[in-house]
Amino acid sequence: MKVFIINGSPRKKGNSAFVANSLLEKYPEANLINLNDLTFKGCQSCYSCRKNNTFCVVNDDLKDILPELVDADLLIVISPNYYGFISGQLKLFLDRWYCLKDANRVSKFKNAAKMFFVMTQGAQNRDHASLATNWLKKIAEGFNLKYYAYVIPGCSSENVDMAKMKIDDLKMHLNMFV
């Protein structure tokens, strides 16, 4: 199974990074992408990808990554909750997905591919993540990806205790989804 773990957090030792590294133990062959370590821009709206039915032509760190994503069986996307939404790094990354549809707006992802979204957040109320989880569900469905969201509430910026406490439950949900 081809798995990508996409960490949208800028923090190297935060809750999202802990989750990403814990899931890398579960999927040791997975490709871990720490978005904050990459140099890339958002979509430049040049439409070259759609006009030429190719992948993104912007020459940055995503140029080689984006074409690989379409062969994934499972995308695990992780983000901290920033003001009720995903991180800026993840938003820029997802904007570049424009090239992952062909000229007829058909998804280039393989059939039966899945997206498992994890949001870490300080708020105790899981509903604080609903804007982000519902938005990303629409994005995933637009690419014909089966979607599941898991929110880890009560995370602290000081430690990863809550993420540690929830990691086994998260893995159980992931197992049921896959």
N, C-alpha and C. Protein backbone atom coordinates (compact mmCIF):
# COMPACT_ATOMS: atom_id res chain seq x y z
N MET A 1 0.85 -1.17 0.00
CA MET A 1 0.00 0.00 0.00
C MET A 1 0.89 1.24 0.00
N LYS A 2 0.59 2.17 -0.89
CA LYS A 2 1.35 3.41 -0.98
C LYS A 2 0.70 4.46 -0.09
N VAL A 3 1.45 4.92 0.92
CA VAL A 3 0.93 5.83 1.93
C VAL A 3 1.77 7.10 1.98
N PHE A 4 1.09 8.24 2.06
CA PHE A 4 1.74 9.52 2.31
C PHE A 4 1.22 10.07 3.62
N ILE A 5 2.13 10.50 4.47
CA ILE A 5 1.78 11.18 5.71
C ILE A 5 2.20 12.63 5.52
N ILE A 6 1.22 13.52 5.52
CA ILE A 6 1.47 14.93 5.24
C ILE A 6 1.25 15.73 6.51
N ASN A 7 2.33 16.25 7.06
CA ASN A 7 2.27 17.03 8.29
C ASN A 7 2.23 18.51 7.95
N GLY A 8 1.10 19.15 8.28
CA GLY A 8 0.93 20.56 7.98
C GLY A 8 1.36 21.50 9.08
N SER A 9 1.97 20.98 10.13
CA SER A 9 2.37 21.83 11.25
C SER A 9 3.79 22.36 11.08
N PRO A 10 4.03 23.60 11.50
CA PRO A 10 5.40 24.12 11.47
C PRO A 10 6.24 23.65 12.67
N ARG A 11 5.59 23.11 13.68
CA ARG A 11 6.31 22.73 14.91
C ARG A 11 6.88 21.32 14.79
N LYS A 12 8.19 21.21 14.97
CA LYS A 12 8.90 19.93 14.82
C LYS A 12 8.59 18.94 15.94
N LYS A 13 8.22 19.45 17.13
CA LYS A 13 7.99 18.57 18.27
C LYS A 13 6.59 18.75 18.85
N GLY A 14 5.68 19.24 18.03
CA GLY A 14 4.31 19.47 18.48
C GLY A 14 3.45 18.24 18.34
N ASN A 15 2.17 18.42 18.60
CA ASN A 15 1.22 17.32 18.58
C ASN A 15 1.06 16.71 17.19
N SER A 16 0.98 17.55 16.17
CA SER A 16 0.84 17.02 14.80
C SER A 16 2.07 16.22 14.39
N ALA A 17 3.25 16.70 14.74
CA ALA A 17 4.48 15.97 14.43
C ALA A 17 4.52 14.64 15.19
N PHE A 18 4.06 14.66 16.44
CA PHE A 18 4.00 13.41 17.22
C PHE A 18 3.09 12.40 16.51
N VAL A 19 1.92 12.86 16.08
CA VAL A 19 0.99 11.98 15.38
C VAL A 19 1.63 11.45 14.08
N ALA A 20 2.24 12.33 13.32
CA ALA A 20 2.88 11.92 12.07
C ALA A 20 3.95 10.86 12.31
N ASN A 21 4.80 11.09 13.29
CA ASN A 21 5.87 10.13 13.58
C ASN A 21 5.33 8.82 14.13
N SER A 22 4.27 8.89 14.93
CA SER A 22 3.64 7.66 15.44
C SER A 22 3.02 6.84 14.32
N LEU A 23 2.44 7.52 13.34
CA LEU A 23 1.85 6.80 12.21
C LEU A 23 2.92 6.28 11.25
N LEU A 24 4.06 6.93 11.25
CA LEU A 24 5.18 6.43 10.45
C LEU A 24 5.66 5.08 11.02
N GLU A 25 5.55 4.91 12.32
CA GLU A 25 5.86 3.60 12.92
C GLU A 25 4.89 2.54 12.42
N LYS A 26 3.62 2.92 12.24
CA LYS A 26 2.60 1.99 11.75
C LYS A 26 2.82 1.69 10.27
N TYR A 27 3.22 2.70 9.52
CA TYR A 27 3.47 2.56 8.08
C TYR A 27 4.91 2.95 7.78
N PRO A 28 5.87 2.08 8.09
CA PRO A 28 7.29 2.44 7.92
C PRO A 28 7.70 2.72 6.47
N GLU A 29 6.94 2.24 5.51
CA GLU A 29 7.25 2.48 4.10
C GLU A 29 6.62 3.78 3.58
N ALA A 30 5.88 4.45 4.45
CA ALA A 30 5.17 5.67 4.03
C ALA A 30 6.15 6.79 3.71
N ASN A 31 5.70 7.69 2.88
CA ASN A 31 6.45 8.91 2.58
C ASN A 31 5.97 9.99 3.53
N LEU A 32 6.83 10.46 4.40
CA LEU A 32 6.49 11.53 5.34
C LEU A 32 6.88 12.86 4.70
N ILE A 33 5.91 13.74 4.60
CA ILE A 33 6.14 15.07 4.04
C ILE A 33 5.85 16.09 5.14
N ASN A 34 6.89 16.76 5.61
CA ASN A 34 6.73 17.86 6.56
C ASN A 34 6.70 19.14 5.73
N LEU A 35 5.51 19.68 5.54
CA LEU A 35 5.34 20.81 4.63
C LEU A 35 6.20 22.01 5.00
N ASN A 36 6.42 22.22 6.29
CA ASN A 36 7.20 23.39 6.70
C ASN A 36 8.67 23.29 6.31
N ASP A 37 9.12 22.08 6.00
CA ASP A 37 10.51 21.89 5.57
C ASP A 37 10.71 22.18 4.08
N LEU A 38 9.61 22.36 3.36
CA LEU A 38 9.66 22.57 1.92
C LEU A 38 9.58 24.05 1.58
N THR A 39 10.09 24.38 0.42
CA THR A 39 9.96 25.73 -0.11
C THR A 39 9.00 25.65 -1.29
N PHE A 40 7.83 26.27 -1.13
CA PHE A 40 6.85 26.24 -2.20
C PHE A 40 5.89 27.42 -2.09
N LYS A 41 5.25 27.70 -3.21
CA LYS A 41 4.26 28.77 -3.31
C LYS A 41 2.88 28.15 -3.42
N GLY A 42 1.87 28.98 -3.28
CA GLY A 42 0.51 28.56 -3.58
C GLY A 42 0.32 28.49 -5.09
N CYS A 43 -0.85 28.05 -5.51
CA CYS A 43 -1.17 27.99 -6.93
C CYS A 43 -1.03 29.38 -7.54
N GLN A 44 -0.40 29.46 -8.70
CA GLN A 44 -0.17 30.73 -9.39
C GLN A 44 -1.27 31.04 -10.43
N SER A 45 -2.27 30.20 -10.51
CA SER A 45 -3.40 30.40 -11.43
C SER A 45 -2.96 30.60 -12.88
N CYS A 46 -1.93 29.90 -13.28
CA CYS A 46 -1.46 30.01 -14.67
C CYS A 46 -2.26 29.10 -15.60
N TYR A 47 -2.95 28.10 -15.04
CA TYR A 47 -3.78 27.15 -15.78
C TYR A 47 -3.00 26.25 -16.72
N SER A 48 -1.70 26.29 -16.66
CA SER A 48 -0.87 25.47 -17.53
C SER A 48 -1.17 23.99 -17.34
N CYS A 49 -1.39 23.59 -16.10
CA CYS A 49 -1.66 22.17 -15.82
C CYS A 49 -2.93 21.69 -16.51
N ARG A 50 -3.97 22.52 -16.51
CA ARG A 50 -5.24 22.13 -17.14
C ARG A 50 -5.18 22.26 -18.65
N LYS A 51 -4.57 23.35 -19.12
CA LYS A 51 -4.49 23.55 -20.57
C LYS A 51 -3.68 22.45 -21.24
N ASN A 52 -2.61 22.02 -20.57
CA ASN A 52 -1.70 21.03 -21.15
C ASN A 52 -1.91 19.63 -20.58
N ASN A 53 -2.91 19.49 -19.72
CA ASN A 53 -3.22 18.21 -19.09
C ASN A 53 -1.97 17.57 -18.48
N THR A 54 -1.29 18.36 -17.65
CA THR A 54 -0.05 17.92 -17.02
C THR A 54 -0.13 18.21 -15.53
N PHE A 55 0.98 18.10 -14.85
CA PHE A 55 1.04 18.47 -13.44
C PHE A 55 1.55 19.90 -13.33
N CYS A 56 1.63 20.40 -12.13
CA CYS A 56 2.02 21.79 -11.90
C CYS A 56 3.40 22.08 -12.49
N VAL A 57 3.51 23.23 -13.14
CA VAL A 57 4.76 23.62 -13.77
C VAL A 57 5.61 24.55 -12.90
N VAL A 58 5.08 24.95 -11.75
CA VAL A 58 5.84 25.82 -10.85
C VAL A 58 7.06 25.03 -10.36
N ASN A 59 8.23 25.61 -10.51
CA ASN A 59 9.47 24.92 -10.18
C ASN A 59 9.85 25.17 -8.71
N ASP A 60 9.31 24.32 -7.83
CA ASP A 60 9.64 24.41 -6.42
C ASP A 60 9.63 23.00 -5.83
N ASP A 61 9.64 22.89 -4.52
CA ASP A 61 9.74 21.57 -3.88
C ASP A 61 8.52 20.67 -4.09
N LEU A 62 7.40 21.20 -4.53
CA LEU A 62 6.22 20.37 -4.78
C LEU A 62 6.20 19.76 -6.18
N LYS A 63 7.06 20.23 -7.05
CA LYS A 63 7.05 19.79 -8.45
C LYS A 63 7.13 18.27 -8.59
N ASP A 64 7.97 17.63 -7.78
CA ASP A 64 8.12 16.17 -7.86
C ASP A 64 7.15 15.43 -6.94
N ILE A 65 6.64 16.11 -5.93
CA ILE A 65 5.75 15.47 -4.95
C ILE A 65 4.34 15.31 -5.49
N LEU A 66 3.80 16.35 -6.09
CA LEU A 66 2.40 16.32 -6.54
C LEU A 66 2.10 15.16 -7.49
N PRO A 67 2.93 14.87 -8.49
CA PRO A 67 2.62 13.73 -9.37
C PRO A 67 2.62 12.39 -8.65
N GLU A 68 3.39 12.27 -7.58
CA GLU A 68 3.43 11.02 -6.82
C GLU A 68 2.16 10.77 -6.03
N LEU A 69 1.51 11.84 -5.60
CA LEU A 69 0.33 11.71 -4.76
C LEU A 69 -0.79 10.91 -5.43
N VAL A 70 -0.93 11.05 -6.73
CA VAL A 70 -2.06 10.42 -7.42
C VAL A 70 -2.00 8.89 -7.40
N ASP A 71 -0.85 8.33 -7.08
CA ASP A 71 -0.71 6.88 -6.98
C ASP A 71 -0.90 6.37 -5.56
N ALA A 72 -1.22 7.26 -4.64
CA ALA A 72 -1.39 6.87 -3.24
C ALA A 72 -2.66 6.06 -3.04
N ASP A 73 -2.56 5.10 -2.13
CA ASP A 73 -3.75 4.39 -1.66
C ASP A 73 -4.35 5.13 -0.47
N LEU A 74 -3.46 5.74 0.32
CA LEU A 74 -3.89 6.42 1.54
C LEU A 74 -3.08 7.69 1.74
N LEU A 75 -3.80 8.79 1.94
CA LEU A 75 -3.19 10.06 2.31
C LEU A 75 -3.60 10.34 3.75
N ILE A 76 -2.63 10.46 4.63
CA ILE A 76 -2.90 10.85 6.00
C ILE A 76 -2.47 12.30 6.12
N VAL A 77 -3.43 13.18 6.33
CA VAL A 77 -3.19 14.61 6.36
C VAL A 77 -3.38 15.10 7.78
N ILE A 78 -2.38 15.79 8.32
CA ILE A 78 -2.41 16.22 9.72
C ILE A 78 -2.18 17.72 9.80
N SER A 79 -3.00 18.39 10.63
CA SER A 79 -2.84 19.82 10.80
C SER A 79 -3.25 20.23 12.20
N PRO A 80 -2.56 21.24 12.74
CA PRO A 80 -3.07 21.86 13.96
C PRO A 80 -4.25 22.75 13.58
N ASN A 81 -5.07 23.03 14.55
CA ASN A 81 -6.21 23.92 14.35
C ASN A 81 -5.75 25.34 14.58
N TYR A 82 -5.78 26.14 13.54
CA TYR A 82 -5.43 27.56 13.63
C TYR A 82 -6.69 28.38 13.41
N TYR A 83 -7.21 28.94 14.47
CA TYR A 83 -8.42 29.76 14.40
C TYR A 83 -9.57 29.05 13.70
N GLY A 84 -9.75 27.78 14.03
CA GLY A 84 -10.85 27.01 13.47
C GLY A 84 -10.60 26.46 12.08
N PHE A 85 -9.35 26.54 11.61
CA PHE A 85 -9.06 26.07 10.26
C PHE A 85 -7.71 25.36 10.23
N ILE A 86 -7.30 24.91 9.07
CA ILE A 86 -6.02 24.24 8.90
C ILE A 86 -4.88 25.25 8.90
N SER A 87 -3.66 24.78 8.99
CA SER A 87 -2.49 25.66 8.94
C SER A 87 -2.35 26.28 7.56
N GLY A 88 -1.66 27.41 7.51
CA GLY A 88 -1.39 28.07 6.24
C GLY A 88 -0.58 27.19 5.30
N GLN A 89 0.38 26.46 5.86
CA GLN A 89 1.21 25.57 5.05
C GLN A 89 0.34 24.54 4.32
N LEU A 90 -0.60 23.95 5.06
CA LEU A 90 -1.46 22.94 4.45
C LEU A 90 -2.40 23.56 3.42
N LYS A 91 -2.91 24.74 3.69
CA LYS A 91 -3.80 25.41 2.74
C LYS A 91 -3.08 25.68 1.42
N LEU A 92 -1.84 26.21 1.48
CA LEU A 92 -1.07 26.44 0.25
C LEU A 92 -0.83 25.13 -0.51
N PHE A 93 -0.53 24.08 0.23
CA PHE A 93 -0.30 22.76 -0.37
C PHE A 93 -1.55 22.28 -1.10
N LEU A 94 -2.69 22.38 -0.44
CA LEU A 94 -3.94 21.91 -1.04
C LEU A 94 -4.36 22.78 -2.23
N ASP A 95 -4.03 24.06 -2.20
CA ASP A 95 -4.32 24.91 -3.36
C ASP A 95 -3.59 24.41 -4.61
N ARG A 96 -2.44 23.84 -4.41
CA ARG A 96 -1.66 23.32 -5.54
C ARG A 96 -2.26 22.04 -6.12
N TRP A 97 -3.24 21.47 -5.46
CA TRP A 97 -3.90 20.27 -5.97
C TRP A 97 -4.71 20.53 -7.23
N TYR A 98 -4.84 21.77 -7.62
CA TYR A 98 -5.57 22.10 -8.84
C TYR A 98 -5.08 21.25 -10.01
N CYS A 99 -3.80 20.97 -10.04
CA CYS A 99 -3.21 20.19 -11.13
C CYS A 99 -3.51 18.69 -11.02
N LEU A 100 -4.17 18.28 -9.93
CA LEU A 100 -4.45 16.86 -9.74
C LEU A 100 -5.81 16.46 -10.32
N LYS A 101 -6.34 17.35 -11.15
CA LYS A 101 -7.49 17.02 -11.98
C LYS A 101 -7.07 17.26 -13.43
N ASP A 102 -7.64 16.48 -14.34
CA ASP A 102 -7.25 16.65 -15.74
C ASP A 102 -8.02 17.81 -16.38
N ALA A 103 -7.83 17.98 -17.67
CA ALA A 103 -8.45 19.09 -18.39
C ALA A 103 -9.98 19.03 -18.34
N ASN A 104 -10.52 17.84 -18.12
CA ASN A 104 -11.97 17.67 -18.01
C ASN A 104 -12.44 17.70 -16.55
N ARG A 105 -11.54 18.10 -15.68
CA ARG A 105 -11.81 18.21 -14.23
C ARG A 105 -12.10 16.87 -13.57
N VAL A 106 -11.49 15.83 -14.10
CA VAL A 106 -11.61 14.49 -13.53
C VAL A 106 -10.37 14.24 -12.67
N SER A 107 -10.59 13.72 -11.49
CA SER A 107 -9.50 13.46 -10.56
C SER A 107 -8.47 12.51 -11.17
N LYS A 108 -7.20 12.82 -10.93
CA LYS A 108 -6.11 11.95 -11.37
C LYS A 108 -5.76 10.89 -10.33
N PHE A 109 -6.37 10.97 -9.13
CA PHE A 109 -6.10 9.98 -8.09
C PHE A 109 -6.63 8.62 -8.52
N LYS A 110 -5.96 7.59 -8.07
CA LYS A 110 -6.40 6.24 -8.40
C LYS A 110 -7.74 5.95 -7.71
N ASN A 111 -8.49 5.03 -8.29
CA ASN A 111 -9.77 4.64 -7.70
C ASN A 111 -9.56 4.05 -6.32
N ALA A 112 -10.48 4.32 -5.44
CA ALA A 112 -10.50 3.80 -4.07
C ALA A 112 -9.43 4.41 -3.17
N ALA A 113 -8.79 5.50 -3.60
CA ALA A 113 -7.83 6.18 -2.72
C ALA A 113 -8.59 6.83 -1.56
N LYS A 114 -7.89 6.98 -0.44
CA LYS A 114 -8.52 7.48 0.78
C LYS A 114 -7.71 8.61 1.40
N MET A 115 -8.44 9.50 2.09
CA MET A 115 -7.81 10.56 2.88
C MET A 115 -8.29 10.44 4.32
N PHE A 116 -7.34 10.30 5.23
CA PHE A 116 -7.62 10.27 6.66
C PHE A 116 -7.05 11.56 7.23
N PHE A 117 -7.92 12.44 7.70
CA PHE A 117 -7.51 13.75 8.20
C PHE A 117 -7.48 13.75 9.72
N VAL A 118 -6.37 14.25 10.27
CA VAL A 118 -6.23 14.39 11.72
C VAL A 118 -6.02 15.86 12.05
N MET A 119 -6.84 16.38 12.95
CA MET A 119 -6.67 17.75 13.40
C MET A 119 -6.38 17.74 14.90
N THR A 120 -5.26 18.35 15.27
CA THR A 120 -4.92 18.52 16.67
C THR A 120 -5.33 19.94 17.07
N GLN A 121 -5.88 20.06 18.27
CA GLN A 121 -6.33 21.39 18.69
C GLN A 121 -6.33 21.53 20.19
N GLY A 122 -6.18 22.76 20.63
CA GLY A 122 -6.22 23.06 22.06
C GLY A 122 -7.62 23.06 22.62
N ALA A 123 -8.59 23.47 21.83
CA ALA A 123 -9.98 23.53 22.29
C ALA A 123 -10.47 22.15 22.71
N GLN A 124 -11.24 22.11 23.78
CA GLN A 124 -11.81 20.85 24.26
C GLN A 124 -12.96 20.37 23.38
N ASN A 125 -13.68 21.31 22.78
CA ASN A 125 -14.85 21.00 21.99
C ASN A 125 -14.44 20.61 20.58
N ARG A 126 -14.73 19.37 20.21
CA ARG A 126 -14.38 18.89 18.86
C ARG A 126 -15.05 19.72 17.76
N ASP A 127 -16.20 20.33 18.07
CA ASP A 127 -16.89 21.13 17.06
C ASP A 127 -16.08 22.34 16.61
N HIS A 128 -15.08 22.72 17.39
CA HIS A 128 -14.21 23.83 17.00
C HIS A 128 -13.48 23.53 15.69
N ALA A 129 -13.39 22.25 15.34
CA ALA A 129 -12.71 21.82 14.11
C ALA A 129 -13.68 21.61 12.95
N SER A 130 -14.97 21.80 13.17
CA SER A 130 -15.96 21.42 12.15
C SER A 130 -15.81 22.20 10.84
N LEU A 131 -15.45 23.47 10.90
CA LEU A 131 -15.25 24.22 9.66
C LEU A 131 -14.17 23.56 8.81
N ALA A 132 -13.05 23.23 9.44
CA ALA A 132 -11.93 22.61 8.71
C ALA A 132 -12.27 21.20 8.23
N THR A 133 -12.86 20.39 9.09
CA THR A 133 -13.13 19.00 8.71
C THR A 133 -14.19 18.94 7.61
N ASN A 134 -15.20 19.80 7.69
CA ASN A 134 -16.23 19.81 6.64
C ASN A 134 -15.69 20.34 5.32
N TRP A 135 -14.84 21.37 5.39
CA TRP A 135 -14.23 21.93 4.18
C TRP A 135 -13.35 20.88 3.50
N LEU A 136 -12.51 20.21 4.30
CA LEU A 136 -11.60 19.22 3.70
C LEU A 136 -12.37 18.02 3.18
N LYS A 137 -13.49 17.70 3.79
CA LYS A 137 -14.33 16.62 3.27
C LYS A 137 -14.79 16.95 1.85
N LYS A 138 -15.20 18.19 1.62
CA LYS A 138 -15.63 18.61 0.28
C LYS A 138 -14.47 18.55 -0.72
N ILE A 139 -13.28 18.94 -0.27
CA ILE A 139 -12.10 18.86 -1.14
C ILE A 139 -11.83 17.40 -1.50
N ALA A 140 -11.81 16.53 -0.49
CA ALA A 140 -11.54 15.11 -0.73
C ALA A 140 -12.57 14.51 -1.68
N GLU A 141 -13.83 14.80 -1.43
CA GLU A 141 -14.88 14.26 -2.29
C GLU A 141 -14.76 14.77 -3.72
N GLY A 142 -14.30 16.01 -3.88
CA GLY A 142 -14.09 16.57 -5.21
C GLY A 142 -13.02 15.83 -5.99
N PHE A 143 -12.15 15.13 -5.28
CA PHE A 143 -11.11 14.31 -5.91
C PHE A 143 -11.44 12.82 -5.84
N ASN A 144 -12.68 12.51 -5.49
CA ASN A 144 -13.14 11.12 -5.36
C ASN A 144 -12.35 10.32 -4.33
N LEU A 145 -11.92 11.00 -3.29
CA LEU A 145 -11.22 10.33 -2.19
C LEU A 145 -12.21 10.00 -1.09
N LYS A 146 -12.18 8.78 -0.61
CA LYS A 146 -12.97 8.43 0.56
C LYS A 146 -12.35 9.16 1.74
N TYR A 147 -13.18 9.73 2.61
CA TYR A 147 -12.69 10.67 3.64
C TYR A 147 -13.13 10.29 5.04
N TYR A 148 -12.22 10.49 5.97
CA TYR A 148 -12.53 10.32 7.40
C TYR A 148 -11.73 11.37 8.16
N ALA A 149 -12.37 11.97 9.18
CA ALA A 149 -11.68 12.97 10.00
C ALA A 149 -11.65 12.52 11.45
N TYR A 150 -10.53 12.79 12.09
CA TYR A 150 -10.34 12.48 13.50
C TYR A 150 -9.76 13.72 14.17
N VAL A 151 -10.43 14.21 15.20
CA VAL A 151 -10.00 15.40 15.92
C VAL A 151 -9.47 15.01 17.29
N ILE A 152 -8.29 15.54 17.62
CA ILE A 152 -7.72 15.33 18.96
C ILE A 152 -7.86 16.66 19.71
N PRO A 153 -8.87 16.76 20.60
CA PRO A 153 -9.06 18.00 21.35
C PRO A 153 -8.17 18.03 22.59
N GLY A 154 -8.05 19.20 23.18
CA GLY A 154 -7.34 19.33 24.45
C GLY A 154 -5.83 19.25 24.36
N CYS A 155 -5.28 19.45 23.18
CA CYS A 155 -3.83 19.41 23.02
C CYS A 155 -3.21 20.69 23.58
N SER A 156 -2.02 20.57 24.10
CA SER A 156 -1.30 21.71 24.64
C SER A 156 -0.11 22.04 23.76
N SER A 157 0.21 23.31 23.67
CA SER A 157 1.42 23.69 22.92
C SER A 157 2.66 23.41 23.76
N GLU A 158 2.48 23.08 25.02
CA GLU A 158 3.60 22.83 25.93
C GLU A 158 4.07 21.37 25.91
N ASN A 159 3.18 20.44 25.53
CA ASN A 159 3.54 19.02 25.55
C ASN A 159 2.63 18.25 24.59
N VAL A 160 2.93 16.97 24.43
CA VAL A 160 2.13 16.12 23.54
C VAL A 160 1.33 15.08 24.33
N ASP A 161 1.04 15.35 25.57
CA ASP A 161 0.37 14.38 26.43
C ASP A 161 -0.97 13.91 25.88
N MET A 162 -1.80 14.83 25.42
CA MET A 162 -3.12 14.44 24.90
C MET A 162 -2.97 13.62 23.62
N ALA A 163 -2.07 14.00 22.75
CA ALA A 163 -1.85 13.23 21.53
C ALA A 163 -1.37 11.82 21.88
N LYS A 164 -0.50 11.71 22.87
CA LYS A 164 -0.04 10.38 23.31
C LYS A 164 -1.21 9.56 23.84
N MET A 165 -2.10 10.21 24.58
CA MET A 165 -3.23 9.51 25.16
C MET A 165 -4.20 9.03 24.08
N LYS A 166 -4.32 9.76 22.98
CA LYS A 166 -5.30 9.45 21.93
C LYS A 166 -4.74 8.64 20.77
N ILE A 167 -3.42 8.40 20.73
CA ILE A 167 -2.83 7.80 19.54
C ILE A 167 -3.35 6.38 19.27
N ASP A 168 -3.57 5.59 20.30
CA ASP A 168 -4.07 4.23 20.07
C ASP A 168 -5.50 4.26 19.53
N ASP A 169 -6.32 5.18 20.03
CA ASP A 169 -7.68 5.32 19.52
C ASP A 169 -7.65 5.79 18.07
N LEU A 170 -6.77 6.73 17.77
CA LEU A 170 -6.62 7.21 16.39
C LEU A 170 -6.23 6.05 15.48
N LYS A 171 -5.27 5.25 15.89
CA LYS A 171 -4.84 4.11 15.08
C LYS A 171 -5.97 3.11 14.87
N MET A 172 -6.82 2.94 15.90
CA MET A 172 -7.96 2.03 15.76
C MET A 172 -8.93 2.57 14.70
N HIS A 173 -9.21 3.87 14.74
CA HIS A 173 -10.09 4.48 13.73
C HIS A 173 -9.48 4.35 12.33
N LEU A 174 -8.18 4.56 12.25
CA LEU A 174 -7.49 4.41 10.97
C LEU A 174 -7.60 3.00 10.45
N ASN A 175 -7.41 2.01 11.33
CA ASN A 175 -7.54 0.60 10.92
C ASN A 175 -8.94 0.29 10.39
N MET A 176 -9.96 0.84 11.06
CA MET A 176 -11.34 0.60 10.62
C MET A 176 -11.60 1.28 9.28
N PHE A 177 -11.00 2.43 9.06
CA PHE A 177 -11.20 3.18 7.82
C PHE A 177 -10.50 2.52 6.64
N VAL A 178 -9.31 2.02 6.87
CA VAL A 178 -8.53 1.41 5.80
C VAL A 178 -9.03 0.00 5.57
